[in-house]
Amino acid sequence: MQKRYSAKGIASMVAIVAASLVFSSCSNKITEEQLTQLKDLRMQERSLNESIQKKRDEKSRLEKELSSRKAELKDCNDKKAFVTTKLKNWPNVWPEN
């Protein structure tokens, strides 16, 4: 019998503690200061997102330019190799027909 009373006592204590926490908790209303801070943070977020997008666009543009320059370099190296091989065979550069 005593176990029932202690279990009921513990249950009622837990209920009382839970109810006191619920009723004494902070209000869920936002203050003006918090609202202002939230607006500032949202503005910063938008600004940072725009900055990130600009940097991504710039990165893409630079990668395209780099690949174009690499293609030019490859073309120049191919032409240089052609001329170098022809210079090694000078004066018999062109085959006779």
N, C-alpha and C. Protein backbone atom coordinates (compact mmCIF):
# COMPACT_ATOMS: atom_id res chain seq x y z
N MET A 1 0.81 -1.19 0.00
CA MET A 1 0.00 0.00 0.00
C MET A 1 0.87 1.27 0.00
N GLN A 2 1.91 1.22 0.75
CA GLN A 2 2.74 2.41 0.84
C GLN A 2 3.38 2.74 -0.52
N LYS A 3 3.63 1.75 -1.30
CA LYS A 3 4.21 2.00 -2.62
C LYS A 3 3.24 2.76 -3.51
N ARG A 4 1.95 2.51 -3.38
CA ARG A 4 0.97 3.25 -4.17
C ARG A 4 0.97 4.72 -3.78
N TYR A 5 1.01 4.96 -2.52
CA TYR A 5 0.99 6.35 -2.07
C TYR A 5 2.25 7.07 -2.49
N SER A 6 3.39 6.41 -2.44
CA SER A 6 4.62 7.07 -2.85
C SER A 6 4.64 7.29 -4.36
N ALA A 7 4.12 6.36 -5.14
CA ALA A 7 4.05 6.54 -6.58
C ALA A 7 3.11 7.68 -6.93
N LYS A 8 1.96 7.74 -6.22
CA LYS A 8 1.03 8.85 -6.46
C LYS A 8 1.66 10.16 -6.01
N GLY A 9 2.38 10.12 -4.93
CA GLY A 9 3.05 11.33 -4.44
C GLY A 9 4.10 11.83 -5.43
N ILE A 10 4.86 10.90 -5.96
CA ILE A 10 5.88 11.28 -6.95
C ILE A 10 5.23 11.82 -8.21
N ALA A 11 4.17 11.19 -8.65
CA ALA A 11 3.47 11.64 -9.84
C ALA A 11 2.89 13.03 -9.64
N SER A 12 2.32 13.28 -8.47
CA SER A 12 1.75 14.60 -8.21
C SER A 12 2.85 15.65 -8.10
N MET A 13 4.00 15.30 -7.55
CA MET A 13 5.12 16.24 -7.46
C MET A 13 5.63 16.59 -8.86
N VAL A 14 5.73 15.58 -9.72
CA VAL A 14 6.18 15.82 -11.09
C VAL A 14 5.19 16.73 -11.81
N ALA A 15 3.91 16.50 -11.60
CA ALA A 15 2.88 17.32 -12.22
C ALA A 15 2.96 18.76 -11.72
N ILE A 16 3.19 18.92 -10.44
CA ILE A 16 3.29 20.27 -9.86
C ILE A 16 4.51 21.00 -10.42
N VAL A 17 5.65 20.29 -10.49
CA VAL A 17 6.87 20.90 -11.01
C VAL A 17 6.68 21.26 -12.49
N ALA A 18 6.09 20.37 -13.27
CA ALA A 18 5.87 20.65 -14.69
C ALA A 18 4.93 21.83 -14.88
N ALA A 19 3.87 21.89 -14.10
CA ALA A 19 2.92 22.99 -14.20
C ALA A 19 3.58 24.31 -13.81
N SER A 20 4.42 24.29 -12.79
CA SER A 20 5.08 25.53 -12.37
C SER A 20 6.06 26.00 -13.44
N LEU A 21 6.72 25.07 -14.13
CA LEU A 21 7.64 25.45 -15.20
C LEU A 21 6.88 26.05 -16.38
N VAL A 22 5.74 25.47 -16.69
CA VAL A 22 4.95 25.98 -17.81
C VAL A 22 4.42 27.37 -17.51
N PHE A 23 3.90 27.57 -16.33
CA PHE A 23 3.30 28.85 -15.99
C PHE A 23 4.32 29.94 -15.71
N SER A 24 5.50 29.56 -15.31
CA SER A 24 6.50 30.57 -14.98
C SER A 24 7.52 30.78 -16.10
N SER A 25 7.33 30.15 -17.24
CA SER A 25 8.29 30.28 -18.33
C SER A 25 8.20 31.66 -18.95
N CYS A 26 9.22 31.96 -19.78
CA CYS A 26 9.27 33.26 -20.45
C CYS A 26 8.11 33.38 -21.43
N SER A 27 7.74 34.61 -21.69
CA SER A 27 6.67 34.83 -22.65
C SER A 27 7.21 34.60 -24.06
N ASN A 28 6.35 34.26 -24.97
CA ASN A 28 6.78 33.99 -26.33
C ASN A 28 6.65 35.21 -27.23
N LYS A 29 6.45 36.37 -26.64
CA LYS A 29 6.34 37.60 -27.43
C LYS A 29 7.73 38.15 -27.71
N ILE A 30 7.91 38.65 -28.92
CA ILE A 30 9.19 39.21 -29.31
C ILE A 30 9.22 40.69 -28.93
N THR A 31 10.35 41.13 -28.42
CA THR A 31 10.49 42.53 -28.03
C THR A 31 10.87 43.37 -29.26
N GLU A 32 10.75 44.67 -29.13
CA GLU A 32 11.11 45.58 -30.22
C GLU A 32 12.60 45.45 -30.55
N GLU A 33 13.41 45.31 -29.52
CA GLU A 33 14.85 45.17 -29.72
C GLU A 33 15.15 43.88 -30.51
N GLN A 34 14.49 42.81 -30.15
CA GLN A 34 14.69 41.55 -30.85
C GLN A 34 14.19 41.66 -32.30
N LEU A 35 13.09 42.35 -32.51
CA LEU A 35 12.55 42.54 -33.85
C LEU A 35 13.53 43.34 -34.72
N THR A 36 14.10 44.39 -34.14
CA THR A 36 15.08 45.21 -34.85
C THR A 36 16.31 44.38 -35.19
N GLN A 37 16.76 43.60 -34.22
CA GLN A 37 17.93 42.76 -34.44
C GLN A 37 17.64 41.72 -35.52
N LEU A 38 16.45 41.17 -35.53
CA LEU A 38 16.07 40.20 -36.53
C LEU A 38 16.05 40.82 -37.93
N LYS A 39 15.52 42.04 -38.04
CA LYS A 39 15.51 42.74 -39.33
C LYS A 39 16.93 43.00 -39.81
N ASP A 40 17.80 43.44 -38.89
CA ASP A 40 19.20 43.68 -39.26
C ASP A 40 19.87 42.40 -39.73
N LEU A 41 19.61 41.31 -39.05
CA LEU A 41 20.21 40.04 -39.43
C LEU A 41 19.70 39.57 -40.79
N ARG A 42 18.43 39.81 -41.07
CA ARG A 42 17.89 39.43 -42.38
C ARG A 42 18.50 40.27 -43.49
N MET A 43 18.73 41.56 -43.21
CA MET A 43 19.38 42.42 -44.19
C MET A 43 20.81 41.94 -44.45
N GLN A 44 21.51 41.59 -43.38
CA GLN A 44 22.87 41.07 -43.53
C GLN A 44 22.86 39.77 -44.33
N GLU A 45 21.89 38.93 -44.07
CA GLU A 45 21.79 37.66 -44.79
C GLU A 45 21.60 37.92 -46.29
N ARG A 46 20.69 38.83 -46.63
CA ARG A 46 20.46 39.16 -48.04
C ARG A 46 21.73 39.70 -48.69
N SER A 47 22.40 40.59 -47.97
CA SER A 47 23.63 41.18 -48.49
C SER A 47 24.70 40.12 -48.72
N LEU A 48 24.84 39.22 -47.75
CA LEU A 48 25.84 38.16 -47.89
C LEU A 48 25.48 37.20 -49.02
N ASN A 49 24.21 36.89 -49.17
CA ASN A 49 23.80 36.02 -50.26
C ASN A 49 24.08 36.65 -51.62
N GLU A 50 23.84 37.95 -51.73
CA GLU A 50 24.15 38.66 -52.97
C GLU A 50 25.65 38.65 -53.24
N SER A 51 26.42 38.86 -52.19
CA SER A 51 27.87 38.85 -52.32
C SER A 51 28.36 37.47 -52.76
N ILE A 52 27.79 36.44 -52.17
CA ILE A 52 28.17 35.07 -52.55
C ILE A 52 27.85 34.82 -54.02
N GLN A 53 26.68 35.25 -54.46
CA GLN A 53 26.29 35.04 -55.87
C GLN A 53 27.22 35.79 -56.81
N LYS A 54 27.59 37.03 -56.44
CA LYS A 54 28.51 37.79 -57.28
C LYS A 54 29.86 37.09 -57.38
N LYS A 55 30.33 36.56 -56.26
CA LYS A 55 31.62 35.86 -56.27
C LYS A 55 31.54 34.58 -57.10
N ARG A 56 30.40 33.88 -57.04
CA ARG A 56 30.24 32.68 -57.85
C ARG A 56 30.25 33.03 -59.33
N ASP A 57 29.56 34.12 -59.68
CA ASP A 57 29.55 34.57 -61.08
C ASP A 57 30.95 34.94 -61.54
N GLU A 58 31.67 35.65 -60.68
CA GLU A 58 33.03 36.06 -61.02
C GLU A 58 33.93 34.83 -61.17
N LYS A 59 33.76 33.86 -60.29
CA LYS A 59 34.55 32.63 -60.37
C LYS A 59 34.28 31.91 -61.69
N SER A 60 33.02 31.84 -62.06
CA SER A 60 32.65 31.20 -63.33
C SER A 60 33.29 31.92 -64.51
N ARG A 61 33.22 33.24 -64.48
CA ARG A 61 33.81 34.03 -65.56
C ARG A 61 35.32 33.81 -65.64
N LEU A 62 35.98 33.79 -64.49
CA LEU A 62 37.42 33.58 -64.46
C LEU A 62 37.81 32.18 -64.91
N GLU A 63 37.00 31.19 -64.57
CA GLU A 63 37.28 29.83 -65.01
C GLU A 63 37.17 29.72 -66.53
N LYS A 64 36.18 30.40 -67.12
CA LYS A 64 36.04 30.39 -68.58
C LYS A 64 37.24 31.07 -69.23
N GLU A 65 37.66 32.20 -68.66
CA GLU A 65 38.83 32.91 -69.20
C GLU A 65 40.07 32.06 -69.08
N LEU A 66 40.23 31.37 -67.96
CA LEU A 66 41.39 30.50 -67.76
C LEU A 66 41.41 29.37 -68.78
N SER A 67 40.27 28.76 -69.02
CA SER A 67 40.24 27.67 -69.99
C SER A 67 40.54 28.20 -71.39
N SER A 68 40.08 29.41 -71.70
CA SER A 68 40.39 30.02 -72.99
C SER A 68 41.90 30.26 -73.11
N ARG A 69 42.49 30.77 -72.05
CA ARG A 69 43.95 31.02 -72.07
C ARG A 69 44.73 29.71 -72.18
N LYS A 70 44.25 28.68 -71.54
CA LYS A 70 44.92 27.38 -71.64
C LYS A 70 44.85 26.85 -73.07
N ALA A 71 43.71 27.06 -73.72
CA ALA A 71 43.56 26.64 -75.12
C ALA A 71 44.53 27.42 -76.01
N GLU A 72 44.66 28.72 -75.77
CA GLU A 72 45.61 29.53 -76.53
C GLU A 72 47.04 29.05 -76.29
N LEU A 73 47.36 28.74 -75.04
CA LEU A 73 48.71 28.25 -74.72
C LEU A 73 49.00 26.94 -75.42
N LYS A 74 48.03 26.04 -75.44
CA LYS A 74 48.20 24.75 -76.12
C LYS A 74 48.43 24.97 -77.60
N ASP A 75 47.67 25.88 -78.20
CA ASP A 75 47.84 26.18 -79.62
C ASP A 75 49.24 26.74 -79.88
N CYS A 76 49.67 27.65 -79.04
CA CYS A 76 51.01 28.23 -79.20
C CYS A 76 52.09 27.16 -79.04
N ASN A 77 51.92 26.28 -78.06
CA ASN A 77 52.91 25.22 -77.86
C ASN A 77 52.94 24.26 -79.04
N ASP A 78 51.77 23.96 -79.62
CA ASP A 78 51.72 23.10 -80.81
C ASP A 78 52.44 23.76 -81.98
N LYS A 79 52.20 25.05 -82.19
CA LYS A 79 52.88 25.77 -83.28
C LYS A 79 54.38 25.83 -83.03
N LYS A 80 54.77 26.04 -81.78
CA LYS A 80 56.20 26.09 -81.44
C LYS A 80 56.86 24.74 -81.71
N ALA A 81 56.18 23.67 -81.33
CA ALA A 81 56.73 22.33 -81.57
C ALA A 81 56.87 22.07 -83.08
N PHE A 82 55.90 22.52 -83.87
CA PHE A 82 55.96 22.36 -85.33
C PHE A 82 57.17 23.10 -85.88
N VAL A 83 57.34 24.36 -85.47
CA VAL A 83 58.46 25.16 -85.97
C VAL A 83 59.79 24.57 -85.51
N THR A 84 59.86 24.09 -84.27
CA THR A 84 61.10 23.51 -83.74
C THR A 84 61.49 22.27 -84.55
N THR A 85 60.53 21.42 -84.86
CA THR A 85 60.86 20.23 -85.66
C THR A 85 61.31 20.62 -87.07
N LYS A 86 60.70 21.64 -87.62
CA LYS A 86 61.11 22.09 -88.96
C LYS A 86 62.49 22.71 -88.93
N LEU A 87 62.83 23.43 -87.86
CA LEU A 87 64.15 24.03 -87.75
C LEU A 87 65.25 22.97 -87.61
N LYS A 88 64.94 21.88 -86.97
CA LYS A 88 65.91 20.80 -86.81
C LYS A 88 66.26 20.17 -88.17
N ASN A 89 65.31 20.15 -89.06
CA ASN A 89 65.52 19.55 -90.37
C ASN A 89 65.96 20.55 -91.44
N TRP A 90 66.25 21.76 -91.04
CA TRP A 90 66.62 22.80 -92.00
C TRP A 90 67.87 22.40 -92.76
N PRO A 91 68.03 22.55 -93.95
CA PRO A 91 67.23 23.18 -94.98
C PRO A 91 66.28 22.21 -95.67
N ASN A 92 66.27 20.95 -95.29
CA ASN A 92 65.38 19.97 -95.93
C ASN A 92 64.05 19.90 -95.17
N VAL A 93 63.40 21.02 -95.06
CA VAL A 93 62.20 21.11 -94.27
C VAL A 93 61.01 20.49 -94.97
N TRP A 94 60.85 20.79 -96.23
CA TRP A 94 59.67 20.33 -96.98
C TRP A 94 60.03 19.11 -97.81
N PRO A 95 59.15 18.16 -97.82
CA PRO A 95 59.45 16.97 -98.62
C PRO A 95 59.44 17.30 -100.11
N GLU A 96 60.27 16.58 -100.85
CA GLU A 96 60.33 16.84 -102.29
C GLU A 96 59.21 16.10 -102.98
N ASN A 97 58.68 16.71 -104.00
CA ASN A 97 57.59 16.10 -104.77
C ASN A 97 58.09 15.53 -106.06
